[in-house]
Amino acid sequence: MPINPFRLTPPPAFFVGREAEKNEFKRLLELTIGGNQRNMAVIGDRGIGKSALLEEFAVMAREKNCVVVRLSLHEGVKSLGYLSLAILDAMQTQLRLISFKESAKSKVLGFLRGVDVKYQGLELSLKRPDLPSTPELSLQQDLQGLWTQLNEAGVPALILEIDEAERLEQIEGALSFLRNTFQELQAKDC
C-alpha cells in the first residue's frame, strides 16, 4: 500500500532533520511555562512536514502537562467574529475531551480505591463561556476566563496550534487582532 505523505494518520514512522525547530519550540515552551508567553510560526510549502512538526510540538507540550488545542482553519472563517468562535470552539472541544478523560479516570480510580490503591488525580470542571453577539470584542475576556479555570486545575500553559494559518491573511486585521489579544492575555498573566 503506498504511503500518502499528506496524511498524518498514522504519524510518520521517522521524524528527522528538525532538531533546530524542536529545540526552539522547547525553549519557547519553557519561557511560556515560566510566564513569558511566546509565539512561533511554522511556515513553508505544502507537503514539507509543517503539520507533522506541529504534532511533534504537541507531544512535547503534553509531556509538560500543557493543554494543546489544534485549530485547522477552513474557508468558512472569513471574519474576526468567526475566527474568535473557531478558536473558542476548538478550545472547548479539547477541554471537553480532557474533562471526559478525567471523568472516566476518576471512575476507574474510584474502583481502585476500593481495593486500597491511592492516586492523586487532576479533576477539571470547565464551563463554556457565554458568547456575545460580537465575539471578536470579547475573545480576550473569554480566553482569560478559560485560562483562570486551567490555572486552577494546575495546567502550566495552553498551546494553540493554528493549521492552515495562511487563511489568516484573508481575514482583514486577523494577525494584529490575534497579536493584540494574546499580548493582552500575557499582560494579565495568562
C-alpha atoms as a PDB file:
ATOM      1  CA  MET A   1       0.000   0.000   0.000  1.00  0.00           C
ATOM      2  CA  PRO A   2       1.521   3.367  -0.971  1.00  0.00           C
ATOM      3  CA  ILE A   3       2.091   5.931   1.760  1.00  0.00           C
ATOM      4  CA  ASN A   4       0.360   9.286   1.376  1.00  0.00           C
ATOM      5  CA  PRO A   5       2.816  11.915   2.695  1.00  0.00           C
ATOM      6  CA  PHE A   6      -0.009  14.430   3.231  1.00  0.00           C
ATOM      7  CA  ARG A   7      -1.826  12.350   5.869  1.00  0.00           C
ATOM      8  CA  LEU A   8      -0.711  12.183   9.474  1.00  0.00           C
ATOM      9  CA  THR A   9      -2.627   9.007  10.210  1.00  0.00           C
ATOM     10  CA  PRO A  10      -0.647   7.100  11.222  1.00  0.00           C
ATOM     11  CA  PRO A  11       2.048   9.591  12.267  1.00  0.00           C
ATOM     12  CA  PRO A  12       5.340   9.401  10.395  1.00  0.00           C
ATOM     13  CA  ALA A  13       7.434   6.396  11.428  1.00  0.00           C
ATOM     14  CA  PHE A  14      10.562   8.553  11.419  1.00  0.00           C
ATOM     15  CA  PHE A  15      10.945  12.199  12.348  1.00  0.00           C
ATOM     16  CA  VAL A  16      14.349  13.511  11.288  1.00  0.00           C
ATOM     17  CA  GLY A  17      16.061  16.747  10.400  1.00  0.00           C
ATOM     18  CA  ARG A  18      14.038  19.090  12.627  1.00  0.00           C
ATOM     19  CA  GLU A  19      16.203  19.282  15.732  1.00  0.00           C
ATOM     20  CA  ALA A  20      16.692  23.067  15.437  1.00  0.00           C
ATOM     21  CA  GLU A  21      12.930  23.644  15.247  1.00  0.00           C
ATOM     22  CA  LYS A  22      12.254  21.225  18.104  1.00  0.00           C
ATOM     23  CA  ASN A  23      14.907  22.876  20.270  1.00  0.00           C
ATOM     24  CA  GLU A  24      13.478  26.329  19.543  1.00  0.00           C
ATOM     25  CA  PHE A  25       9.960  25.143  20.420  1.00  0.00           C
ATOM     26  CA  LYS A  26      11.269  23.575  23.626  1.00  0.00           C
ATOM     27  CA  ARG A  27      12.963  26.879  24.549  1.00  0.00           C
ATOM     28  CA  LEU A  28       9.814  28.895  23.815  1.00  0.00           C
ATOM     29  CA  LEU A  29       7.662  26.385  25.689  1.00  0.00           C
ATOM     30  CA  GLU A  30       9.865  26.702  28.785  1.00  0.00           C
ATOM     31  CA  LEU A  31       9.622  30.500  28.576  1.00  0.00           C
ATOM     32  CA  THR A  32       5.836  30.287  28.228  1.00  0.00           C
ATOM     33  CA  ILE A  33       5.501  27.916  31.170  1.00  0.00           C
ATOM     34  CA  GLY A  34       7.683  30.335  33.131  1.00  0.00           C
ATOM     35  CA  GLY A  35       5.175  33.130  32.489  1.00  0.00           C
ATOM     36  CA  ASN A  36       6.764  34.770  29.454  1.00  0.00           C
ATOM     37  CA  GLN A  37       4.312  33.882  26.681  1.00  0.00           C
ATOM     38  CA  ARG A  38       5.883  33.256  23.289  1.00  0.00           C
ATOM     39  CA  ASN A  39       4.602  32.698  19.773  1.00  0.00           C
ATOM     40  CA  MET A  40       6.106  30.711  16.937  1.00  0.00           C
ATOM     41  CA  ALA A  41       5.231  30.492  13.249  1.00  0.00           C
ATOM     42  CA  VAL A  42       5.947  27.398  11.184  1.00  0.00           C
ATOM     43  CA  ILE A  43       5.736  28.333   7.522  1.00  0.00           C
ATOM     44  CA  GLY A  44       6.598  26.604   4.276  1.00  0.00           C
ATOM     45  CA  ASP A  45       5.292  24.960   1.158  1.00  0.00           C
ATOM     46  CA  ARG A  46       2.633  22.271   1.189  1.00  0.00           C
ATOM     47  CA  GLY A  47       3.911  18.804   1.988  1.00  0.00           C
ATOM     48  CA  ILE A  48       7.198  19.682   3.683  1.00  0.00           C
ATOM     49  CA  GLY A  49       6.045  18.470   7.101  1.00  0.00           C
ATOM     50  CA  LYS A  50       4.592  21.512   8.876  1.00  0.00           C
ATOM     51  CA  SER A  51       1.629  19.572  10.258  1.00  0.00           C
ATOM     52  CA  ALA A  52       3.879  16.702  11.331  1.00  0.00           C
ATOM     53  CA  LEU A  53       6.116  19.216  13.086  1.00  0.00           C
ATOM     54  CA  LEU A  54       3.089  20.735  14.848  1.00  0.00           C
ATOM     55  CA  GLU A  55       2.115  17.256  16.016  1.00  0.00           C
ATOM     56  CA  GLU A  56       5.645  16.715  17.328  1.00  0.00           C
ATOM     57  CA  PHE A  57       5.391  20.040  19.187  1.00  0.00           C
ATOM     58  CA  ALA A  58       2.061  18.895  20.660  1.00  0.00           C
ATOM     59  CA  VAL A  59       3.698  15.738  22.004  1.00  0.00           C
ATOM     60  CA  MET A  60       6.460  17.828  23.590  1.00  0.00           C
ATOM     61  CA  ALA A  61       3.917  20.192  25.181  1.00  0.00           C
ATOM     62  CA  ARG A  62       1.752  17.373  26.536  1.00  0.00           C
ATOM     63  CA  GLU A  63       4.837  15.869  28.172  1.00  0.00           C
ATOM     64  CA  LYS A  64       4.999  19.115  30.189  1.00  0.00           C
ATOM     65  CA  ASN A  65       1.295  18.750  31.165  1.00  0.00           C
ATOM     66  CA  CYS A  66       0.227  21.554  28.850  1.00  0.00           C
ATOM     67  CA  VAL A  67      -3.122  21.559  27.094  1.00  0.00           C
ATOM     68  CA  VAL A  68      -2.736  21.545  23.306  1.00  0.00           C
ATOM     69  CA  VAL A  69      -5.525  22.865  21.125  1.00  0.00           C
ATOM     70  CA  ARG A  70      -5.308  22.291  17.376  1.00  0.00           C
ATOM     71  CA  LEU A  71      -7.356  24.502  15.080  1.00  0.00           C
ATOM     72  CA  SER A  72      -7.395  23.912  11.346  1.00  0.00           C
ATOM     73  CA  LEU A  73      -8.807  26.988   9.662  1.00  0.00           C
ATOM     74  CA  HIS A  74     -11.302  26.377   6.892  1.00  0.00           C
ATOM     75  CA  GLU A  75     -12.689  28.633   4.185  1.00  0.00           C
ATOM     76  CA  GLY A  76     -15.778  29.460   6.274  1.00  0.00           C
ATOM     77  CA  VAL A  77     -13.673  31.509   8.703  1.00  0.00           C
ATOM     78  CA  LYS A  78     -13.908  34.866   6.939  1.00  0.00           C
ATOM     79  CA  SER A  79     -14.197  37.462   9.717  1.00  0.00           C
ATOM     80  CA  LEU A  80     -12.774  38.215  13.135  1.00  0.00           C
ATOM     81  CA  GLY A  81     -16.046  37.059  14.683  1.00  0.00           C
ATOM     82  CA  TYR A  82     -15.848  33.652  13.016  1.00  0.00           C
ATOM     83  CA  LEU A  83     -12.155  33.429  13.878  1.00  0.00           C
ATOM     84  CA  SER A  84     -12.961  34.107  17.537  1.00  0.00           C
ATOM     85  CA  LEU A  85     -15.694  31.476  17.510  1.00  0.00           C
ATOM     86  CA  ALA A  86     -13.397  28.957  15.791  1.00  0.00           C
ATOM     87  CA  ILE A  87     -10.713  29.478  18.457  1.00  0.00           C
ATOM     88  CA  LEU A  88     -13.178  29.207  21.343  1.00  0.00           C
ATOM     89  CA  ASP A  89     -14.882  26.169  19.821  1.00  0.00           C
ATOM     90  CA  ALA A  90     -11.559  24.366  19.288  1.00  0.00           C
ATOM     91  CA  MET A  91     -10.574  25.102  22.870  1.00  0.00           C
ATOM     92  CA  GLN A  92     -13.901  23.993  24.291  1.00  0.00           C
ATOM     93  CA  THR A  93     -13.826  20.784  22.243  1.00  0.00           C
ATOM     94  CA  GLN A  94     -10.350  19.919  23.522  1.00  0.00           C
ATOM     95  CA  LEU A  95     -11.210  20.833  27.103  1.00  0.00           C
ATOM     96  CA  ARG A  96     -14.371  18.684  26.986  1.00  0.00           C
ATOM     97  CA  LEU A  97     -12.241  15.760  25.784  1.00  0.00           C
ATOM     98  CA  ILE A  98      -9.830  16.290  28.659  1.00  0.00           C
ATOM     99  CA  SER A  99     -12.701  16.621  31.113  1.00  0.00           C
ATOM    100  CA  PHE A 100     -14.275  13.403  29.767  1.00  0.00           C
ATOM    101  CA  LYS A 101     -10.972  11.537  30.098  1.00  0.00           C
ATOM    102  CA  GLU A 102     -10.565  12.829  33.656  1.00  0.00           C
ATOM    103  CA  SER A 103     -14.137  11.798  34.483  1.00  0.00           C
ATOM    104  CA  ALA A 104     -13.512   8.293  33.137  1.00  0.00           C
ATOM    105  CA  LYS A 105     -10.213   8.165  35.011  1.00  0.00           C
ATOM    106  CA  SER A 106     -11.895   9.186  38.261  1.00  0.00           C
ATOM    107  CA  LYS A 107     -14.431   6.331  37.873  1.00  0.00           C
ATOM    108  CA  VAL A 108     -11.610   3.841  37.403  1.00  0.00           C
ATOM    109  CA  LEU A 109      -9.729   5.357  40.316  1.00  0.00           C
ATOM    110  CA  GLY A 110     -12.869   5.156  42.449  1.00  0.00           C
ATOM    111  CA  PHE A 111     -12.964   1.428  41.792  1.00  0.00           C
ATOM    112  CA  LEU A 112      -9.250   1.093  42.504  1.00  0.00           C
ATOM    113  CA  ARG A 113      -9.625   2.982  45.782  1.00  0.00           C
ATOM    114  CA  GLY A 114     -11.979   0.186  46.827  1.00  0.00           C
ATOM    115  CA  VAL A 115      -9.032  -2.176  46.542  1.00  0.00           C
ATOM    116  CA  ASP A 116      -6.781   0.139  48.546  1.00  0.00           C
ATOM    117  CA  VAL A 117      -4.840   1.827  45.708  1.00  0.00           C
ATOM    118  CA  LYS A 118      -4.164   5.522  46.177  1.00  0.00           C
ATOM    119  CA  TYR A 119      -3.824   8.172  43.476  1.00  0.00           C
ATOM    120  CA  GLN A 120      -3.928  11.928  43.377  1.00  0.00           C
ATOM    121  CA  GLY A 121      -5.509  12.963  40.091  1.00  0.00           C
ATOM    122  CA  LEU A 122      -6.485  16.154  38.400  1.00  0.00           C
ATOM    123  CA  GLU A 123     -10.170  16.944  38.088  1.00  0.00           C
ATOM    124  CA  LEU A 124     -11.274  19.548  35.563  1.00  0.00           C
ATOM    125  CA  SER A 125     -14.551  21.354  35.758  1.00  0.00           C
ATOM    126  CA  LEU A 126     -14.810  23.675  32.795  1.00  0.00           C
ATOM    127  CA  LYS A 127     -17.734  25.717  31.661  1.00  0.00           C
ATOM    128  CA  ARG A 128     -18.343  27.202  28.252  1.00  0.00           C
ATOM    129  CA  PRO A 129     -18.291  30.992  28.275  1.00  0.00           C
ATOM    130  CA  ASP A 130     -21.381  32.861  27.158  1.00  0.00           C
ATOM    131  CA  LEU A 131     -20.678  34.245  23.702  1.00  0.00           C
ATOM    132  CA  PRO A 132     -21.877  37.778  22.923  1.00  0.00           C
ATOM    133  CA  SER A 133     -23.191  38.848  19.535  1.00  0.00           C
ATOM    134  CA  THR A 134     -19.792  40.369  18.675  1.00  0.00           C
ATOM    135  CA  PRO A 135     -17.388  37.623  19.735  1.00  0.00           C
ATOM    136  CA  GLU A 136     -14.240  39.306  18.463  1.00  0.00           C
ATOM    137  CA  LEU A 137     -14.677  42.052  21.042  1.00  0.00           C
ATOM    138  CA  SER A 138     -14.599  39.650  23.997  1.00  0.00           C
ATOM    139  CA  LEU A 139     -12.283  36.861  22.804  1.00  0.00           C
ATOM    140  CA  GLN A 140      -9.620  38.071  25.197  1.00  0.00           C
ATOM    141  CA  GLN A 141     -12.108  38.053  28.113  1.00  0.00           C
ATOM    142  CA  ASP A 142     -13.386  34.576  27.222  1.00  0.00           C
ATOM    143  CA  LEU A 143      -9.847  33.222  26.923  1.00  0.00           C
ATOM    144  CA  GLN A 144      -8.935  34.853  30.214  1.00  0.00           C
ATOM    145  CA  GLY A 145     -11.869  33.045  31.836  1.00  0.00           C
ATOM    146  CA  LEU A 146     -10.735  29.722  30.353  1.00  0.00           C
ATOM    147  CA  TRP A 147      -7.177  30.350  31.470  1.00  0.00           C
ATOM    148  CA  THR A 148      -8.332  31.057  35.027  1.00  0.00           C
ATOM    149  CA  GLN A 149     -10.030  27.656  35.100  1.00  0.00           C
ATOM    150  CA  LEU A 150      -6.992  25.906  33.599  1.00  0.00           C
ATOM    151  CA  ASN A 151      -4.655  27.650  36.006  1.00  0.00           C
ATOM    152  CA  GLU A 152      -6.787  26.498  38.955  1.00  0.00           C
ATOM    153  CA  ALA A 153      -6.531  22.961  37.558  1.00  0.00           C
ATOM    154  CA  GLY A 154      -2.720  23.226  37.520  1.00  0.00           C
ATOM    155  CA  VAL A 155      -2.215  23.454  33.743  1.00  0.00           C
ATOM    156  CA  PRO A 156       1.077  25.310  33.145  1.00  0.00           C
ATOM    157  CA  ALA A 157       0.286  26.513  29.608  1.00  0.00           C
ATOM    158  CA  LEU A 158      -2.208  26.223  26.805  1.00  0.00           C
ATOM    159  CA  ILE A 159      -0.713  25.758  23.355  1.00  0.00           C
ATOM    160  CA  LEU A 160      -2.872  26.915  20.444  1.00  0.00           C
ATOM    161  CA  GLU A 161      -1.755  25.464  17.124  1.00  0.00           C
ATOM    162  CA  ILE A 162      -3.390  27.008  14.074  1.00  0.00           C
ATOM    163  CA  ASP A 163      -3.006  24.833  10.993  1.00  0.00           C
ATOM    164  CA  GLU A 164      -3.827  26.282   7.573  1.00  0.00           C
ATOM    165  CA  ALA A 165      -2.926  29.659   9.103  1.00  0.00           C
ATOM    166  CA  GLU A 166      -2.359  31.206   5.684  1.00  0.00           C
ATOM    167  CA  ARG A 167      -6.114  31.785   5.719  1.00  0.00           C
ATOM    168  CA  LEU A 168      -5.494  34.426   8.398  1.00  0.00           C
ATOM    169  CA  GLU A 169      -4.148  36.679   5.652  1.00  0.00           C
ATOM    170  CA  GLN A 170      -7.606  36.617   4.044  1.00  0.00           C
ATOM    171  CA  ILE A 171      -9.275  37.957   7.205  1.00  0.00           C
ATOM    172  CA  GLU A 172      -8.810  41.692   7.467  1.00  0.00           C
ATOM    173  CA  GLY A 173      -6.934  42.598  10.636  1.00  0.00           C
ATOM    174  CA  ALA A 174      -6.632  38.984  11.865  1.00  0.00           C
ATOM    175  CA  LEU A 175      -2.907  38.946  12.555  1.00  0.00           C
ATOM    176  CA  SER A 176      -2.896  42.184  14.553  1.00  0.00           C
ATOM    177  CA  PHE A 177      -6.120  41.114  16.311  1.00  0.00           C
ATOM    178  CA  LEU A 178      -4.531  37.842  17.439  1.00  0.00           C
ATOM    179  CA  ARG A 179      -1.269  39.537  18.417  1.00  0.00           C
ATOM    180  CA  ASN A 180      -3.105  42.171  20.462  1.00  0.00           C
ATOM    181  CA  THR A 181      -5.407  39.583  22.070  1.00  0.00           C
ATOM    182  CA  PHE A 182      -2.553  37.359  23.194  1.00  0.00           C
ATOM    183  CA  GLN A 183      -0.362  40.272  24.289  1.00  0.00           C
ATOM    184  CA  GLU A 184      -3.251  41.486  26.428  1.00  0.00           C
ATOM    185  CA  LEU A 185      -3.589  37.989  27.920  1.00  0.00           C
ATOM    186  CA  GLN A 186       0.128  37.917  28.658  1.00  0.00           C
ATOM    187  CA  ALA A 187      -0.155  41.277  30.432  1.00  0.00           C
ATOM    188  CA  LYS A 188      -2.816  39.660  32.643  1.00  0.00           C
ATOM    189  CA  ASP A 189      -0.544  36.682  33.457  1.00  0.00           C
ATOM    190  CA  CYS A 190      -2.436  34.204  31.290  1.00  0.00           C
END
